């Protein structure tokens, strides 16, 4: 492998140290930052993710409030849980673990969250702020990717970035963010998806490729310009093995690359914690 690893674990640890200081200052002023999590059902990966969130909150001094509803919970049950957190002054940020069980309208649940407590930065109010370039919580994975590239001195400003995937959580907000005139961004951005013919022609012209389609091994070595940065943001499962959208051979061509595990994931969680602390800091 010739590519430099974009180590999300290492950077996330640094960010959490800074967040622990900020949380401690809040606590000294009489306010403990609080994150409310809502988990519906017993999906293994979802439960593991929420457990990691709770552990990381404790690590930096953020209090956790957990609502674990059964898989039989109704739309009204889930919305009532959101309402409780909206009204709870101890909860400054709310995480609704997705996917929700069949029969629950996810969009309706997400819209019910108080935008000031939107830890994922995906409420329409906060996405609108992103479009306008106004201050607000940034979507966690896109913000984490920008931080990771910036910290590793990957040239982005004025360069060509190709994002594979147009989803709400990564592709669309990341395209907006990376096109903005802000540190680590200001790029020429192209968004493609699995329905685009000859995707490889576009990725081979890119200085940075972000794969966020959730298709294992989608980006192969022949699709990457030598020396480009390649970020595997999409994942899928093969049995019990977590798979990246980026094939292993890409590391022999790329200049920078995220590891299969320990790249974007830790940065997403770090940005979620940052949004939680920021929400607590903003309370008047």
Protein backbone atom coordinates (compact mmCIF):
# COMPACT_ATOMS: atom_id res chain seq x y z
CA UNK A 1 0.00 0.00 0.00
CA UNK A 2 1.36 3.42 -0.95
CA UNK A 3 -1.52 5.67 0.15
CA UNK A 4 -1.38 7.66 3.37
CA UNK A 5 -4.11 6.50 5.78
CA UNK A 6 -6.76 9.03 6.76
CA UNK A 7 -6.94 7.94 10.39
CA UNK A 8 -10.35 8.93 11.75
CA UNK A 9 -9.78 7.25 15.11
CA UNK A 10 -6.75 9.40 15.88
CA UNK A 11 -8.40 12.66 14.86
CA UNK A 12 -11.63 11.80 16.68
CA UNK A 13 -9.68 11.29 19.90
CA UNK A 14 -8.20 14.78 19.57
CA UNK A 15 -11.62 16.30 18.92
CA UNK A 16 -13.12 14.50 21.92
CA UNK A 17 -10.38 15.88 24.17
CA UNK A 18 -11.32 19.40 23.08
CA UNK A 19 -15.03 18.62 23.57
CA UNK A 20 -14.34 17.28 27.06
CA UNK A 21 -12.80 20.65 27.96
CA UNK A 22 -15.83 22.49 26.60
CA UNK A 23 -18.24 20.17 28.43
CA UNK A 24 -16.28 20.69 31.66
CA UNK A 25 -16.55 24.46 31.30
CA UNK A 26 -20.30 24.12 30.84
CA UNK A 27 -20.58 21.90 33.90
CA UNK A 28 -18.56 24.40 35.96
CA UNK A 29 -21.10 27.03 34.93
CA UNK A 30 -23.94 24.82 36.15
CA UNK A 31 -25.03 23.20 32.87
CA UNK A 32 -24.29 19.59 31.93
CA UNK A 33 -24.67 18.89 28.21
CA UNK A 34 -27.26 16.19 27.55
CA UNK A 35 -27.92 13.88 24.58
CA UNK A 36 -31.22 12.02 24.27
CA UNK A 37 -31.22 8.85 22.17
CA UNK A 38 -34.29 7.08 20.79
CA UNK A 39 -33.89 3.45 19.71
CA UNK A 40 -36.91 1.52 18.45
CA UNK A 41 -36.68 -2.27 18.29
CA UNK A 42 -33.70 -4.57 18.69
CA UNK A 43 -31.68 -4.17 15.48
CA UNK A 44 -28.16 -5.30 16.39
CA UNK A 45 -26.07 -2.68 14.53
CA UNK A 46 -28.41 0.12 15.66
CA UNK A 47 -28.23 -0.98 19.28
CA UNK A 48 -24.44 -1.18 19.07
CA UNK A 49 -24.23 2.32 17.58
CA UNK A 50 -26.40 3.80 20.33
CA UNK A 51 -24.34 2.00 22.99
CA UNK A 52 -21.16 3.50 21.49
CA UNK A 53 -22.77 6.95 21.61
CA UNK A 54 -23.69 6.54 25.26
CA UNK A 55 -20.15 5.38 26.12
CA UNK A 56 -18.55 8.27 24.25
CA UNK A 57 -20.88 10.75 25.95
CA UNK A 58 -19.70 9.49 29.34
CA UNK A 59 -16.10 9.75 28.13
CA UNK A 60 -16.36 13.50 27.47
CA UNK A 61 -18.78 14.46 30.23
CA UNK A 62 -22.08 14.58 28.31
CA UNK A 63 -25.08 13.10 30.11
CA UNK A 64 -27.10 10.46 28.20
CA UNK A 65 -30.85 9.94 28.28
CA UNK A 66 -31.97 6.76 26.53
CA UNK A 67 -35.46 5.89 25.29
CA UNK A 68 -35.52 2.27 24.09
CA UNK A 69 -38.92 1.45 22.65
CA UNK A 70 -40.06 -2.04 21.57
CA UNK A 71 -40.34 -2.98 17.91
CA UNK A 72 -44.13 -2.92 18.40
CA UNK A 73 -44.07 0.82 19.20
CA UNK A 74 -46.54 2.87 17.21
CA UNK A 75 -46.02 6.15 15.38
CA UNK A 76 -47.64 7.90 18.33
CA UNK A 77 -45.27 6.16 20.78
CA UNK A 78 -42.18 7.30 18.89
CA UNK A 79 -43.45 10.84 18.46
CA UNK A 80 -44.29 10.99 22.16
CA UNK A 81 -40.69 10.06 22.97
CA UNK A 82 -39.47 12.90 20.74
CA UNK A 83 -41.89 15.29 22.46
CA UNK A 84 -40.56 14.31 25.89
CA UNK A 85 -37.00 15.12 24.85
CA UNK A 86 -38.09 18.35 23.15
CA UNK A 87 -39.59 19.52 26.45
CA UNK A 88 -36.80 18.21 28.72
CA UNK A 89 -34.42 21.07 29.56
CA UNK A 90 -31.72 18.54 30.50
CA UNK A 91 -31.64 17.26 26.89
CA UNK A 92 -29.87 19.65 24.53
CA UNK A 93 -29.58 17.31 21.52
CA UNK A 94 -31.68 14.42 20.21
CA UNK A 95 -30.53 11.37 18.24
CA UNK A 96 -33.17 9.21 16.56
CA UNK A 97 -31.48 5.99 15.53
CA UNK A 98 -32.37 4.98 12.00
CA UNK A 99 -33.73 2.92 10.39
CA UNK A 100 -37.02 2.86 12.27
CA UNK A 101 -39.18 -0.28 12.02
CA UNK A 102 -41.58 -0.75 9.12
CA UNK A 103 -44.78 1.18 9.57
CA UNK A 104 -43.12 4.17 11.26
CA UNK A 105 -42.94 7.32 9.14
CA UNK A 106 -39.30 8.37 9.59
CA UNK A 107 -39.74 11.75 7.95
CA UNK A 108 -42.61 12.64 10.26
CA UNK A 109 -40.56 11.64 13.31
CA UNK A 110 -37.49 13.61 12.21
CA UNK A 111 -39.59 16.71 11.48
CA UNK A 112 -40.94 16.57 15.03
CA UNK A 113 -37.48 17.18 16.54
CA UNK A 114 -36.87 20.71 17.79
CA UNK A 115 -34.37 22.13 15.24
CA UNK A 116 -32.32 23.53 18.12
CA UNK A 117 -31.88 19.95 19.39
CA UNK A 118 -31.20 18.37 15.98
CA UNK A 119 -27.90 16.59 16.64
CA UNK A 120 -27.71 15.14 13.11
CA UNK A 121 -28.06 18.52 11.40
CA UNK A 122 -30.65 17.06 9.01
CA UNK A 123 -33.80 18.93 10.03
CA UNK A 124 -35.05 21.05 7.09
CA UNK A 125 -34.41 24.19 9.14
CA UNK A 126 -30.76 23.27 9.60
CA UNK A 127 -30.31 22.03 6.03
CA UNK A 128 -31.70 25.39 4.96
CA UNK A 129 -29.06 27.09 7.09
CA UNK A 130 -26.42 25.01 5.34
CA UNK A 131 -27.73 26.09 1.93
CA UNK A 132 -27.61 29.73 3.04
CA UNK A 133 -24.19 29.39 4.66
CA UNK A 134 -25.70 30.41 8.00
CA UNK A 135 -24.43 29.06 11.36
CA UNK A 136 -26.04 25.83 12.55
CA UNK A 137 -25.33 22.16 13.28
CA UNK A 138 -23.72 20.52 10.27
CA UNK A 139 -24.67 17.00 9.13
CA UNK A 140 -22.29 14.73 10.99
CA UNK A 141 -20.74 12.54 8.30
CA UNK A 142 -20.16 15.37 5.79
CA UNK A 143 -18.63 17.55 8.53
CA UNK A 144 -16.43 14.65 9.63
CA UNK A 145 -15.17 14.04 6.09
CA UNK A 146 -14.24 17.71 5.66
CA UNK A 147 -12.42 17.72 9.02
CA UNK A 148 -10.55 14.52 8.13
CA UNK A 149 -9.32 15.87 4.80
CA UNK A 150 -8.39 19.23 6.31
CA UNK A 151 -6.43 17.72 9.21
CA UNK A 152 -4.42 15.56 6.79
CA UNK A 153 -3.63 18.53 4.49
CA UNK A 154 -5.42 17.01 1.51
CA UNK A 155 -5.70 19.72 -1.19
CA UNK A 156 -9.39 20.43 -1.74
CA UNK A 157 -9.77 24.15 -2.47
CA UNK A 158 -10.16 24.70 -6.21
CA UNK A 159 -9.85 20.96 -6.87
CA UNK A 160 -12.34 18.52 -8.39
CA UNK A 161 -14.32 16.46 -5.88
CA UNK A 162 -16.54 13.61 -7.08
CA UNK A 163 -19.14 12.33 -4.63
CA UNK A 164 -20.75 8.98 -5.41
CA UNK A 165 -24.18 8.95 -3.80
CA UNK A 166 -26.94 11.52 -3.44
CA UNK A 167 -28.45 10.45 -0.11
CA UNK A 168 -29.75 12.85 2.51
CA UNK A 169 -27.23 11.90 5.19
CA UNK A 170 -24.02 12.15 3.14
CA UNK A 171 -24.11 12.89 -0.59
CA UNK A 172 -26.40 15.89 -0.85
CA UNK A 173 -25.21 17.85 2.20
CA UNK A 174 -21.56 17.01 1.51
CA UNK A 175 -21.86 18.44 -2.00
CA UNK A 176 -23.24 21.69 -0.56
CA UNK A 177 -20.58 21.87 2.13
CA UNK A 178 -17.59 21.17 -0.12
CA UNK A 179 -18.67 23.75 -2.68
CA UNK A 180 -18.76 26.51 -0.05
CA UNK A 181 -16.03 29.07 0.53
CA UNK A 182 -14.83 27.78 3.89
CA UNK A 183 -11.70 26.02 5.20
CA UNK A 184 -11.20 22.60 3.63
CA UNK A 185 -13.85 23.23 0.96
CA UNK A 186 -14.30 25.67 -1.96
CA UNK A 187 -14.09 22.80 -4.47
CA UNK A 188 -15.62 22.06 -7.86
CA UNK A 189 -18.07 19.31 -6.93
CA UNK A 190 -19.66 16.63 -9.11
CA UNK A 191 -22.33 14.30 -7.71
CA UNK A 192 -22.86 10.94 -9.40
CA UNK A 193 -24.72 7.79 -8.45
CA UNK A 194 -25.03 4.16 -9.45
CA UNK A 195 -27.46 5.08 -12.23
CA UNK A 196 -24.84 7.19 -14.03
CA UNK A 197 -23.26 5.63 -17.14
CA UNK A 198 -19.45 5.44 -17.21
CA UNK A 199 -18.99 6.71 -13.67
CA UNK A 200 -15.30 5.79 -13.94
CA UNK A 201 -14.64 8.56 -16.46
CA UNK A 202 -15.75 11.10 -13.88
CA UNK A 203 -13.94 9.57 -10.91
CA UNK A 204 -10.67 9.34 -12.88
CA UNK A 205 -10.73 13.12 -13.27
CA UNK A 206 -11.21 13.72 -9.54
CA UNK A 207 -8.64 14.92 -7.02
CA UNK A 208 -10.91 13.65 -4.24
CA UNK A 209 -13.40 10.78 -4.52
CA UNK A 210 -15.97 10.22 -1.79
CA UNK A 211 -17.84 6.91 -2.15
CA UNK A 212 -21.15 7.02 -0.28
CA UNK A 213 -23.39 4.61 -2.19
CA UNK A 214 -23.42 1.63 0.19
CA UNK A 215 -22.17 -0.77 -2.51
CA UNK A 216 -19.22 -2.92 -1.45
CA UNK A 217 -16.11 -2.49 -3.58
CA UNK A 218 -17.80 -0.02 -5.93
CA UNK A 219 -14.65 2.09 -6.41
CA UNK A 220 -11.80 0.07 -7.88
CA UNK A 221 -8.19 1.00 -8.57
CA UNK A 222 -8.77 1.64 -12.28
CA UNK A 223 -11.37 4.30 -11.38
CA UNK A 224 -8.92 6.47 -9.43
CA UNK A 225 -6.42 9.05 -10.62
CA UNK A 226 -2.95 8.29 -9.17
CA UNK A 227 -2.37 10.39 -6.05
CA UNK A 228 -6.04 11.23 -5.49
CA UNK A 229 -7.65 11.12 -2.05
CA UNK A 230 -10.31 8.42 -1.68
CA UNK A 231 -12.84 8.41 1.16
CA UNK A 232 -14.99 5.36 1.81
CA UNK A 233 -18.10 6.80 3.44
CA UNK A 234 -20.58 4.13 2.35
CA UNK A 235 -20.74 0.73 4.02
CA UNK A 236 -22.63 -2.53 3.68
CA UNK A 237 -22.55 -5.92 5.35
CA UNK A 238 -21.28 -9.22 3.98
CA UNK A 239 -22.38 -11.65 6.63
CA UNK A 240 -20.87 -10.18 9.80
CA UNK A 241 -18.10 -8.29 7.97
CA UNK A 242 -18.49 -4.56 7.43
CA UNK A 243 -17.60 -3.72 3.84
CA UNK A 244 -16.42 -0.42 2.35
CA UNK A 245 -17.50 1.11 -0.95
CA UNK A 246 -13.76 1.26 -1.75
CA UNK A 247 -11.99 -1.89 -2.95
CA UNK A 248 -8.72 -2.86 -1.26
CA UNK A 249 -6.58 -2.38 -4.38
CA UNK A 250 -7.32 1.36 -4.43
CA UNK A 251 -4.69 1.91 -1.74
CA UNK A 252 -1.97 1.07 -4.29
CA UNK A 253 -3.03 4.01 -6.50
CA UNK A 254 -4.40 6.67 -4.18
CA UNK A 255 -2.39 9.33 -2.36
CA UNK A 256 -4.67 9.24 0.69
CA UNK A 257 -7.30 6.68 1.68
CA UNK A 258 -9.57 5.89 4.62
CA UNK A 259 -9.19 2.49 6.27
CA UNK A 260 -12.08 0.03 6.03
CA UNK A 261 -12.69 0.53 9.75
CA UNK A 262 -11.58 3.63 11.66
CA UNK A 263 -11.94 6.24 8.94
CA UNK A 264 -15.25 8.04 8.52
CA UNK A 265 -17.16 6.25 11.31
CA UNK A 266 -15.25 7.71 14.28
CA UNK A 267 -15.43 11.16 12.69
CA UNK A 268 -19.21 10.93 12.30
CA UNK A 269 -19.54 10.13 16.00
CA UNK A 270 -17.15 12.93 16.97
CA UNK A 271 -19.19 15.44 14.96
CA UNK A 272 -22.37 14.24 16.63
CA UNK A 273 -20.79 14.87 20.03
CA UNK A 274 -19.63 18.29 18.82
CA UNK A 275 -23.19 19.16 17.80
CA UNK A 276 -24.47 18.04 21.20
CA UNK A 277 -21.98 20.22 23.08
CA UNK A 278 -22.65 23.14 20.72
CA UNK A 279 -26.40 22.84 21.35
CA UNK A 280 -25.80 22.99 25.11
CA UNK A 281 -23.53 26.02 24.71
CA UNK A 282 -26.23 27.88 22.79
CA UNK A 283 -28.90 27.57 25.48
CA UNK A 284 -29.58 30.97 27.03
